[in-house]
Amino acid sequence: MGFGSIPTVIPHNTGGRIEFAAIWFLVLIPGFASVYSLLRPNFLRVPLIAAGMMILLLWLFAAPLRAALEASPRRRHPESA
């Protein structure tokens, strides 16, 4: 295995990996913040728990919510007709 095989081991298209890492990073940080607030009482306990749980719930329900929004028929506003 030499330098010629590097493109086969590490593909050039890293956009998908960066997006995957960013999504997981943005999901894990609020999760850790809410768990930290549960374990260690401080003045930000309630807001951190609420925000962490809300972000995790939105992430979990993102696919069904998007499918419901895309499935609903678009209605024209009466003034735009």
Foldseek 3Di string as FASTA:
>chain_A
DDPVCVCVVPPPPCVVVVVVVVVVVVLVVLVVQQVVLVVDPDPCNVVSVVVNVVVNVCVVCVVVVVVVVVPDDDDDDPVVD
